[in-house]
PDB file of N, CA and C in Angstrom:
ATOM      1  N   MET A   1     -17.315   6.433 -20.766  1.00  0.00           N
ATOM      2  CA  MET A   1     -16.050   7.372 -20.980  1.00  0.00           C
ATOM      3  C   MET A   1     -15.525   7.166 -22.404  1.00  0.00           C
ATOM      4  N   THR A   2     -15.367   8.216 -23.108  1.00  0.00           N
ATOM      5  CA  THR A   2     -14.937   8.096 -24.589  1.00  0.00           C
ATOM      6  C   THR A   2     -13.557   7.870 -24.668  1.00  0.00           C
ATOM      7  N   PRO A   3     -12.874   7.347 -25.684  1.00  0.00           N
ATOM      8  CA  PRO A   3     -11.502   7.091 -25.998  1.00  0.00           C
ATOM      9  C   PRO A   3     -10.757   8.252 -25.729  1.00  0.00           C
ATOM     10  N   SER A   4     -11.243   9.501 -26.227  1.00  0.00           N
ATOM     11  CA  SER A   4     -10.491  10.786 -25.882  1.00  0.00           C
ATOM     12  C   SER A   4     -10.448  11.158 -24.422  1.00  0.00           C
ATOM     13  N   SER A   5     -11.326  10.648 -23.669  1.00  0.00           N
ATOM     14  CA  SER A   5     -11.403  10.991 -22.199  1.00  0.00           C
ATOM     15  C   SER A   5     -10.057  10.177 -21.644  1.00  0.00           C
ATOM     16  N   TYR A   6      -9.909   8.943 -22.133  1.00  0.00           N
ATOM     17  CA  TYR A   6      -8.874   8.112 -21.633  1.00  0.00           C
ATOM     18  C   TYR A   6      -7.512   8.705 -22.063  1.00  0.00           C
ATOM     19  N   GLU A   7      -7.683   9.240 -23.353  1.00  0.00           N
ATOM     20  CA  GLU A   7      -6.405   9.884 -23.922  1.00  0.00           C
ATOM     21  C   GLU A   7      -6.024  11.109 -23.057  1.00  0.00           C
ATOM     22  N   ALA A   8      -7.014  11.798 -22.753  1.00  0.00           N
ATOM     23  CA  ALA A   8      -6.732  13.083 -21.862  1.00  0.00           C
ATOM     24  C   ALA A   8      -6.025  12.686 -20.627  1.00  0.00           C
ATOM     25  N   LEU A   9      -6.813  11.739 -19.900  1.00  0.00           N
ATOM     26  CA  LEU A   9      -6.110  11.187 -18.532  1.00  0.00           C
ATOM     27  C   LEU A   9      -4.722  10.644 -18.749  1.00  0.00           C
ATOM     28  N   ILE A  10      -4.490   9.751 -19.644  1.00  0.00           N
ATOM     29  CA  ILE A  10      -3.144   9.324 -19.973  1.00  0.00           C
ATOM     30  C   ILE A  10      -2.174  10.186 -20.256  1.00  0.00           C
ATOM     31  N   THR A  11      -2.506  11.408 -20.962  1.00  0.00           N
ATOM     32  CA  THR A  11      -1.646  12.422 -21.328  1.00  0.00           C
ATOM     33  C   THR A  11      -1.194  13.169 -20.155  1.00  0.00           C
ATOM     34  N   ALA A  12      -2.344  13.487 -19.314  1.00  0.00           N
ATOM     35  CA  ALA A  12      -2.051  14.177 -18.016  1.00  0.00           C
ATOM     36  C   ALA A  12      -1.089  13.282 -17.168  1.00  0.00           C
ATOM     37  N   LEU A  13      -1.276  12.093 -17.072  1.00  0.00           N
ATOM     38  CA  LEU A  13      -0.558  11.249 -16.315  1.00  0.00           C
ATOM     39  C   LEU A  13       0.897  11.356 -16.886  1.00  0.00           C
ATOM     40  N   GLU A  14       1.208  11.260 -18.179  1.00  0.00           N
ATOM     41  CA  GLU A  14       2.401  11.326 -18.601  1.00  0.00           C
ATOM     42  C   GLU A  14       3.122  12.734 -18.245  1.00  0.00           C
ATOM     43  N   ALA A  15       2.393  13.845 -18.480  1.00  0.00           N
ATOM     44  CA  ALA A  15       2.825  15.204 -18.101  1.00  0.00           C
ATOM     45  C   ALA A  15       3.243  15.317 -16.643  1.00  0.00           C
ATOM     46  N   ALA A  16       2.550  14.676 -15.893  1.00  0.00           N
ATOM     47  CA  ALA A  16       2.720  14.873 -14.234  1.00  0.00           C
ATOM     48  C   ALA A  16       4.054  14.146 -14.092  1.00  0.00           C
ATOM     49  N   ALA A  17       4.153  13.006 -14.573  1.00  0.00           N
ATOM     50  CA  ALA A  17       5.273  12.104 -14.463  1.00  0.00           C
ATOM     51  C   ALA A  17       6.583  12.801 -14.958  1.00  0.00           C
ATOM     52  N   GLN A  18       6.449  13.455 -16.105  1.00  0.00           N
ATOM     53  CA  GLN A  18       7.676  14.257 -16.640  1.00  0.00           C
ATOM     54  C   GLN A  18       8.005  15.404 -15.695  1.00  0.00           C
ATOM     55  N   GLN A  19       7.039  15.923 -15.021  1.00  0.00           N
ATOM     56  CA  GLN A  19       7.344  17.041 -14.087  1.00  0.00           C
ATOM     57  C   GLN A  19       7.684  16.651 -12.747  1.00  0.00           C
ATOM     58  N   ASN A  20       7.725  15.283 -12.581  1.00  0.00           N
ATOM     59  CA  ASN A  20       7.935  14.729 -11.228  1.00  0.00           C
ATOM     60  C   ASN A  20       7.089  15.111 -10.157  1.00  0.00           C
ATOM     61  N   ASP A  21       5.852  15.318 -10.688  1.00  0.00           N
ATOM     62  CA  ASP A  21       4.620  15.597  -9.851  1.00  0.00           C
ATOM     63  C   ASP A  21       3.917  14.447  -9.399  1.00  0.00           C
ATOM     64  N   TRP A  22       4.547  13.643  -8.371  1.00  0.00           N
ATOM     65  CA  TRP A  22       4.117  12.349  -8.162  1.00  0.00           C
ATOM     66  C   TRP A  22       2.754  12.226  -7.220  1.00  0.00           C
ATOM     67  N   PRO A  23       2.398  13.378  -6.468  1.00  0.00           N
ATOM     68  CA  PRO A  23       1.016  13.321  -5.969  1.00  0.00           C
ATOM     69  C   PRO A  23       0.161  13.372  -7.021  1.00  0.00           C
ATOM     70  N   ARG A  24       0.244  14.244  -8.146  1.00  0.00           N
ATOM     71  CA  ARG A  24      -0.555  14.350  -9.237  1.00  0.00           C
ATOM     72  C   ARG A  24      -0.644  12.973 -10.099  1.00  0.00           C
ATOM     73  N   VAL A  25       0.486  12.311 -10.211  1.00  0.00           N
ATOM     74  CA  VAL A  25       0.373  11.160 -10.772  1.00  0.00           C
ATOM     75  C   VAL A  25      -0.552  10.156 -10.044  1.00  0.00           C
ATOM     76  N   MET A  26      -0.384  10.126  -8.662  1.00  0.00           N
ATOM     77  CA  MET A  26      -1.251   9.234  -7.913  1.00  0.00           C
ATOM     78  C   MET A  26      -2.663   9.504  -8.302  1.00  0.00           C
ATOM     79  N   GLN A  27      -2.968  10.859  -8.085  1.00  0.00           N
ATOM     80  CA  GLN A  27      -4.395  11.311  -8.191  1.00  0.00           C
ATOM     81  C   GLN A  27      -5.002  10.988  -9.678  1.00  0.00           C
ATOM     82  N   ILE A  28      -4.219  11.086 -10.757  1.00  0.00           N
ATOM     83  CA  ILE A  28      -4.685  10.917 -12.175  1.00  0.00           C
ATOM     84  C   ILE A  28      -4.841   9.328 -12.118  1.00  0.00           C
ATOM     85  N   ASP A  29      -3.864   8.573 -11.616  1.00  0.00           N
ATOM     86  CA  ASP A  29      -3.839   7.075 -11.577  1.00  0.00           C
ATOM     87  C   ASP A  29      -5.094   6.524 -10.904  1.00  0.00           C
ATOM     88  N   ALA A  30      -5.589   7.173  -9.833  1.00  0.00           N
ATOM     89  CA  ALA A  30      -6.637   6.864  -9.224  1.00  0.00           C
ATOM     90  C   ALA A  30      -7.920   6.999 -10.157  1.00  0.00           C
ATOM     91  N   GLN A  31      -7.995   8.246 -10.760  1.00  0.00           N
ATOM     92  CA  GLN A  31      -9.217   8.502 -11.716  1.00  0.00           C
ATOM     93  C   GLN A  31      -9.191   7.617 -12.934  1.00  0.00           C
ATOM     94  N   LEU A  32      -8.074   7.241 -13.368  1.00  0.00           N
ATOM     95  CA  LEU A  32      -7.874   6.306 -14.483  1.00  0.00           C
ATOM     96  C   LEU A  32      -8.389   4.982 -14.039  1.00  0.00           C
ATOM     97  N   ASN A  33      -7.853   4.447 -12.919  1.00  0.00           N
ATOM     98  CA  ASN A  33      -8.277   3.102 -12.439  1.00  0.00           C
ATOM     99  C   ASN A  33      -9.756   3.155 -12.187  1.00  0.00           C
ATOM    100  N   LEU A  34     -10.285   4.030 -11.640  1.00  0.00           N
ATOM    101  CA  LEU A  34     -11.778   4.100 -11.431  1.00  0.00           C
ATOM    102  C   LEU A  34     -12.541   4.002 -12.731  1.00  0.00           C
ATOM    103  N   GLN A  35     -12.278   4.847 -13.714  1.00  0.00           N
ATOM    104  CA  GLN A  35     -12.879   4.873 -14.961  1.00  0.00           C
ATOM    105  C   GLN A  35     -12.679   3.501 -15.580  1.00  0.00           C
ATOM    106  N   LEU A  36     -11.464   2.949 -15.524  1.00  0.00           N
ATOM    107  CA  LEU A  36     -11.390   1.639 -16.133  1.00  0.00           C
ATOM    108  C   LEU A  36     -12.232   0.543 -15.586  1.00  0.00           C
ATOM    109  N   GLN A  37     -12.423   0.559 -14.248  1.00  0.00           N
ATOM    110  CA  GLN A  37     -13.013  -0.547 -13.442  1.00  0.00           C
ATOM    111  C   GLN A  37     -14.587  -0.279 -14.004  1.00  0.00           C
ATOM    112  N   GLN A  38     -15.051   0.935 -14.153  1.00  0.00           N
ATOM    113  CA  GLN A  38     -16.421   1.185 -14.521  1.00  0.00           C
ATOM    114  C   GLN A  38     -16.859   0.805 -15.927  1.00  0.00           C
ATOM    115  N   GLN A  39     -15.908   1.070 -16.755  1.00  0.00           N
ATOM    116  CA  GLN A  39     -16.192   1.034 -18.234  1.00  0.00           C
ATOM    117  C   GLN A  39     -15.174   0.505 -19.095  1.00  0.00           C
ATOM    118  N   ALA A  40     -14.314  -0.404 -18.622  1.00  0.00           N
ATOM    119  CA  ALA A  40     -13.226  -1.047 -19.405  1.00  0.00           C
ATOM    120  C   ALA A  40     -13.907  -1.937 -20.601  1.00  0.00           C
ATOM    121  N   ARG A  41     -14.996  -2.458 -20.380  1.00  0.00           N
ATOM    122  CA  ARG A  41     -15.542  -3.336 -21.384  1.00  0.00           C
ATOM    123  C   ARG A  41     -15.913  -2.598 -22.734  1.00  0.00           C
ATOM    124  N   ASN A  42     -16.038  -1.230 -22.467  1.00  0.00           N
ATOM    125  CA  ASN A  42     -16.412  -0.374 -23.682  1.00  0.00           C
ATOM    126  C   ASN A  42     -15.134   0.045 -24.528  1.00  0.00           C
ATOM    127  N   LEU A  43     -14.067  -0.222 -23.996  1.00  0.00           N
ATOM    128  CA  LEU A  43     -12.806   0.199 -24.558  1.00  0.00           C
ATOM    129  C   LEU A  43     -12.320  -1.059 -25.550  1.00  0.00           C
ATOM    130  N   GLN A  44     -11.947  -0.598 -26.738  1.00  0.00           N
ATOM    131  CA  GLN A  44     -11.707  -1.535 -27.836  1.00  0.00           C
ATOM    132  C   GLN A  44     -10.292  -2.056 -27.587  1.00  0.00           C
ATOM    133  N   ASP A  45      -9.963  -3.214 -28.142  1.00  0.00           N
ATOM    134  CA  ASP A  45      -8.833  -3.868 -27.646  1.00  0.00           C
ATOM    135  C   ASP A  45      -7.501  -3.049 -28.113  1.00  0.00           C
ATOM    136  N   ALA A  46      -7.391  -2.383 -29.201  1.00  0.00           N
ATOM    137  CA  ALA A  46      -6.339  -1.729 -29.720  1.00  0.00           C
ATOM    138  C   ALA A  46      -6.186  -0.497 -28.736  1.00  0.00           C
ATOM    139  N   ALA A  47      -7.315   0.235 -28.331  1.00  0.00           N
ATOM    140  CA  ALA A  47      -7.144   1.401 -27.614  1.00  0.00           C
ATOM    141  C   ALA A  47      -6.767   0.962 -26.106  1.00  0.00           C
ATOM    142  N   ARG A  48      -7.214  -0.229 -25.665  1.00  0.00           N
ATOM    143  CA  ARG A  48      -6.747  -0.674 -24.362  1.00  0.00           C
ATOM    144  C   ARG A  48      -5.220  -0.955 -24.411  1.00  0.00           C
ATOM    145  N   ALA A  49      -4.736  -1.544 -25.492  1.00  0.00           N
ATOM    146  CA  ALA A  49      -3.414  -2.001 -25.579  1.00  0.00           C
ATOM    147  C   ALA A  49      -2.572  -0.645 -25.654  1.00  0.00           C
ATOM    148  N   ALA A  50      -2.913   0.281 -26.367  1.00  0.00           N
ATOM    149  CA  ALA A  50      -2.165   1.560 -26.509  1.00  0.00           C
ATOM    150  C   ALA A  50      -2.292   2.332 -25.190  1.00  0.00           C
ATOM    151  N   LEU A  51      -3.255   2.242 -24.400  1.00  0.00           N
ATOM    152  CA  LEU A  51      -3.384   2.685 -23.048  1.00  0.00           C
ATOM    153  C   LEU A  51      -2.581   2.293 -22.096  1.00  0.00           C
ATOM    154  N   ARG A  52      -2.682   0.755 -22.275  1.00  0.00           N
ATOM    155  CA  ARG A  52      -1.544   0.142 -21.190  1.00  0.00           C
ATOM    156  C   ARG A  52      -0.108   0.283 -21.426  1.00  0.00           C
ATOM    157  N   SER A  53       0.209   0.399 -22.800  1.00  0.00           N
ATOM    158  CA  SER A  53       1.662   0.722 -23.169  1.00  0.00           C
ATOM    159  C   SER A  53       2.123   1.898 -22.402  1.00  0.00           C
ATOM    160  N   ARG A  54       1.215   2.917 -22.735  1.00  0.00           N
ATOM    161  CA  ARG A  54       1.557   4.362 -22.249  1.00  0.00           C
ATOM    162  C   ARG A  54       1.607   4.323 -20.791  1.00  0.00           C
ATOM    163  N   TYR A  55       0.622   3.643 -20.005  1.00  0.00           N
ATOM    164  CA  TYR A  55       0.655   3.487 -18.631  1.00  0.00           C
ATOM    165  C   TYR A  55       1.888   2.906 -18.041  1.00  0.00           C
ATOM    166  N   LEU A  56       2.179   1.809 -18.767  1.00  0.00           N
ATOM    167  CA  LEU A  56       3.499   1.093 -18.285  1.00  0.00           C
ATOM    168  C   LEU A  56       4.785   1.942 -18.393  1.00  0.00           C
ATOM    169  N   ARG A  57       4.822   2.783 -19.377  1.00  0.00           N
ATOM    170  CA  ARG A  57       5.945   3.702 -19.552  1.00  0.00           C
ATOM    171  C   ARG A  57       5.938   4.603 -18.299  1.00  0.00           C
ATOM    172  N   VAL A  58       4.826   5.186 -18.097  1.00  0.00           N
ATOM    173  CA  VAL A  58       4.874   6.152 -16.817  1.00  0.00           C
ATOM    174  C   VAL A  58       5.259   5.485 -15.597  1.00  0.00           C
ATOM    175  N   MET A  59       4.733   4.269 -15.427  1.00  0.00           N
ATOM    176  CA  MET A  59       5.207   3.434 -14.191  1.00  0.00           C
ATOM    177  C   MET A  59       6.606   3.181 -14.097  1.00  0.00           C
ATOM    178  N   ALA A  60       7.241   2.958 -15.508  1.00  0.00           N
ATOM    179  CA  ALA A  60       8.595   2.755 -15.478  1.00  0.00           C
ATOM    180  C   ALA A  60       9.361   3.893 -15.041  1.00  0.00           C
ATOM    181  N   GLN A  61       8.938   5.014 -15.554  1.00  0.00           N
ATOM    182  CA  GLN A  61       9.487   6.380 -15.097  1.00  0.00           C
ATOM    183  C   GLN A  61       9.485   6.523 -13.676  1.00  0.00           C
ATOM    184  N   GLY A  62       8.239   6.157 -12.999  1.00  0.00           N
ATOM    185  CA  GLY A  62       8.244   6.238 -11.562  1.00  0.00           C
ATOM    186  C   GLY A  62       9.148   5.439 -10.759  1.00  0.00           C
ATOM    187  N   ARG A  63       9.272   4.141 -11.409  1.00  0.00           N
ATOM    188  CA  ARG A  63      10.301   3.308 -10.621  1.00  0.00           C
ATOM    189  C   ARG A  63      11.723   3.729 -10.971  1.00  0.00           C
ATOM    190  N   ALA A  64      12.091   4.267 -11.875  1.00  0.00           N
ATOM    191  CA  ALA A  64      13.419   4.808 -12.196  1.00  0.00           C
ATOM    192  C   ALA A  64      13.629   5.997 -11.336  1.00  0.00           C
ATOM    193  N   ARG A  65      12.689   6.796 -11.223  1.00  0.00           N
ATOM    194  CA  ARG A  65      13.006   7.989 -10.244  1.00  0.00           C
ATOM    195  C   ARG A  65      13.177   7.551  -8.923  1.00  0.00           C
ATOM    196  N   LEU A  66      12.252   6.588  -8.397  1.00  0.00           N
ATOM    197  CA  LEU A  66      12.396   6.062  -7.003  1.00  0.00           C
ATOM    198  C   LEU A  66      13.756   5.444  -6.887  1.00  0.00           C
ATOM    199  N   GLU A  67      14.215   4.769  -7.786  1.00  0.00           N
ATOM    200  CA  GLU A  67      15.516   4.170  -7.669  1.00  0.00           C
ATOM    201  C   GLU A  67      16.660   5.270  -7.665  1.00  0.00           C
ATOM    202  N   THR A  68      16.510   6.210  -8.400  1.00  0.00           N
ATOM    203  CA  THR A  68      17.456   7.359  -8.379  1.00  0.00           C
ATOM    204  C   THR A  68      17.467   8.045  -6.938  1.00  0.00           C
ATOM    205  N   LEU A  69      16.336   8.249  -6.524  1.00  0.00           N
ATOM    206  CA  LEU A  69      16.274   8.770  -5.163  1.00  0.00           C
ATOM    207  C   LEU A  69      16.798   7.949  -4.078  1.00  0.00           C
ATOM    208  N   ARG A  70      16.566   6.532  -4.204  1.00  0.00           N
ATOM    209  CA  ARG A  70      17.121   5.706  -3.224  1.00  0.00           C
ATOM    210  C   ARG A  70      18.706   5.813  -3.148  1.00  0.00           C
ATOM    211  N   LEU A  71      19.319   5.821  -4.422  1.00  0.00           N
ATOM    212  CA  LEU A  71      20.676   5.763  -4.528  1.00  0.00           C
ATOM    213  C   LEU A  71      21.239   7.086  -3.903  1.00  0.00           C
ATOM    214  N   GLN A  72      20.549   8.330  -4.374  1.00  0.00           N
ATOM    215  CA  GLN A  72      20.917   9.546  -3.765  1.00  0.00           C
ATOM    216  C   GLN A  72      20.903   9.536  -2.228  1.00  0.00           C
ATOM    217  N   LEU A  73      19.725   8.855  -1.587  1.00  0.00           N
ATOM    218  CA  LEU A  73      19.694   8.903  -0.044  1.00  0.00           C
ATOM    219  C   LEU A  73      20.787   7.995   0.432  1.00  0.00           C
ATOM    220  N   ALA A  74      21.144   6.785  -0.328  1.00  0.00           N
ATOM    221  CA  ALA A  74      22.077   5.984   0.344  1.00  0.00           C
ATOM    222  C   ALA A  74      23.463   6.757   0.303  1.00  0.00           C
ATOM    223  N   GLN A  75      23.745   7.457  -0.866  1.00  0.00           N
ATOM    224  CA  GLN A  75      25.002   8.036  -0.909  1.00  0.00           C
ATOM    225  C   GLN A  75      25.012   9.197   0.156  1.00  0.00           C
ATOM    226  N   TYR A  76      23.934   9.839   0.220  1.00  0.00           N
ATOM    227  CA  TYR A  76      23.959  11.023   1.304  1.00  0.00           C
ATOM    228  C   TYR A  76      24.202  10.396   2.717  1.00  0.00           C
ATOM    229  N   GLN A  77      23.633   9.291   2.950  1.00  0.00           N
ATOM    230  CA  GLN A  77      23.775   8.588   4.348  1.00  0.00           C
ATOM    231  C   GLN A  77      25.148   8.261   4.506  1.00  0.00           C
ATOM    232  N   ALA A  78      25.879   7.646   3.504  1.00  0.00           N
ATOM    233  CA  ALA A  78      27.195   7.194   3.627  1.00  0.00           C
ATOM    234  C   ALA A  78      28.158   8.480   3.763  1.00  0.00           C
ATOM    235  N   GLN A  79      27.881   9.561   3.076  1.00  0.00           N
ATOM    236  CA  GLN A  79      28.667  10.803   3.326  1.00  0.00           C
ATOM    237  C   GLN A  79      28.430  11.251   4.725  1.00  0.00           C
ATOM    238  N   ARG A  80      27.229  11.297   5.127  1.00  0.00           N
ATOM    239  CA  ARG A  80      27.011  11.780   6.408  1.00  0.00           C
ATOM    240  C   ARG A  80      27.749  10.989   7.459  1.00  0.00           C
ATOM    241  N   TYR A  81      27.750   9.665   7.284  1.00  0.00           N
ATOM    242  CA  TYR A  81      28.368   8.880   8.355  1.00  0.00           C
ATOM    243  C   TYR A  81      29.885   9.090   8.372  1.00  0.00           C
ATOM    244  N   GLY A  82      30.312   9.470   7.128  1.00  0.00           N
ATOM    245  CA  GLY A  82      31.804   9.602   6.914  1.00  0.00           C
ATOM    246  C   GLY A  82      32.128  11.086   7.665  1.00  0.00           C
ATOM    247  N   ARG A  83      31.253  11.953   7.395  1.00  0.00           N
ATOM    248  CA  ARG A  83      31.528  13.207   8.000  1.00  0.00           C
ATOM    249  C   ARG A  83      31.399  13.219   9.463  1.00  0.00           C
ATOM    250  N   GLN A  84      30.428  12.433   9.982  1.00  0.00           N
ATOM    251  CA  GLN A  84      30.279  12.280  11.621  1.00  0.00           C
ATOM    252  C   GLN A  84      31.670  11.660  12.093  1.00  0.00           C
ATOM    253  N   ALA A  85      32.050  10.613  11.429  1.00  0.00           N
ATOM    254  CA  ALA A  85      33.268   9.975  12.001  1.00  0.00           C
ATOM    255  C   ALA A  85      34.392  10.795  11.913  1.00  0.00           C
ATOM    256  N   TYR A  86      34.528  11.537  10.782  1.00  0.00           N
ATOM    257  CA  TYR A  86      35.619  12.507  10.701  1.00  0.00           C
ATOM    258  C   TYR A  86      35.626  13.587  11.798  1.00  0.00           C
ATOM    259  N   SER A  87      34.311  14.069  12.054  1.00  0.00           N
ATOM    260  CA  SER A  87      34.079  15.007  13.184  1.00  0.00           C
ATOM    261  C   SER A  87      34.615  14.553  14.472  1.00  0.00           C
ATOM    262  N   LEU A  88      34.105  13.249  14.794  1.00  0.00           N
ATOM    263  CA  LEU A  88      34.530  12.636  15.933  1.00  0.00           C
ATOM    264  C   LEU A  88      36.086  12.411  16.115  1.00  0.00           C
ATOM    265  N   PHE A  89      36.690  12.076  15.086  1.00  0.00           N
ATOM    266  CA  PHE A  89      38.084  11.923  15.024  1.00  0.00           C
ATOM    267  C   PHE A  89      38.777  13.319  15.303  1.00  0.00           C
ATOM    268  N   ASP A  90      38.309  14.277  14.588  1.00  0.00           N
ATOM    269  CA  ASP A  90      38.873  15.570  14.878  1.00  0.00           C
ATOM    270  C   ASP A  90      38.612  16.026  16.314  1.00  0.00           C
ATOM    271  N   ALA A  91      37.492  15.704  16.963  1.00  0.00           N
ATOM    272  CA  ALA A  91      37.175  16.158  18.289  1.00  0.00           C
ATOM    273  C   ALA A  91      38.140  15.397  19.283  1.00  0.00           C
ATOM    274  N   GLU A  92      38.404  14.286  18.860  1.00  0.00           N
ATOM    275  CA  GLU A  92      39.222  13.299  19.978  1.00  0.00           C
ATOM    276  C   GLU A  92      40.784  13.805  19.738  1.00  0.00           C
ATOM    277  N   THR A  93      41.115  14.261  18.595  1.00  0.00           N
ATOM    278  CA  THR A  93      42.589  14.533  18.490  1.00  0.00           C
ATOM    279  C   THR A  93      42.776  16.028  18.832  1.00  0.00           C
ATOM    280  N   GLY A  94      41.709  16.821  18.855  1.00  0.00           N
ATOM    281  CA  GLY A  94      41.771  18.286  19.292  1.00  0.00           C
ATOM    282  C   GLY A  94      42.228  19.205  17.923  1.00  0.00           C
ATOM    283  N   GLU A  95      42.084  18.508  16.808  1.00  0.00           N
ATOM    284  CA  GLU A  95      42.327  19.306  15.435  1.00  0.00           C
ATOM    285  C   GLU A  95      41.128  19.866  15.137  1.00  0.00           C
ATOM    286  N   GLU A  96      41.151  21.082  14.290  1.00  0.00           N
ATOM    287  CA  GLU A  96      40.049  21.725  13.795  1.00  0.00           C
ATOM    288  C   GLU A  96      39.960  21.081  12.255  1.00  0.00           C
ATOM    289  N   ALA A  97      38.519  21.037  11.919  1.00  0.00           N
ATOM    290  CA  ALA A  97      38.380  20.456  10.670  1.00  0.00           C
ATOM    291  C   ALA A  97      38.568  21.601   9.655  1.00  0.00           C
TER     292      ALA A  97
END
């Protein structure tokens, strides 16, 4: 695999992450992983370092997005529990919400 092929894969990986297309990120990641396992020794140190840096940025984007989603889910759950409690209170008192 040529350095330009790695460049194309990492560029596609970055684009998929920017678009929040996480299934595509996983697919490209698997392709990249396979290629690196098969031919990493052919990659020069500078190219390997650049590839690693860009890859780590994409993975950081993924972790940040995951944390954002976790926080949103926790906030939603807290609001849901609050709404349920309020609904139960209204049902017990006979008042309409």
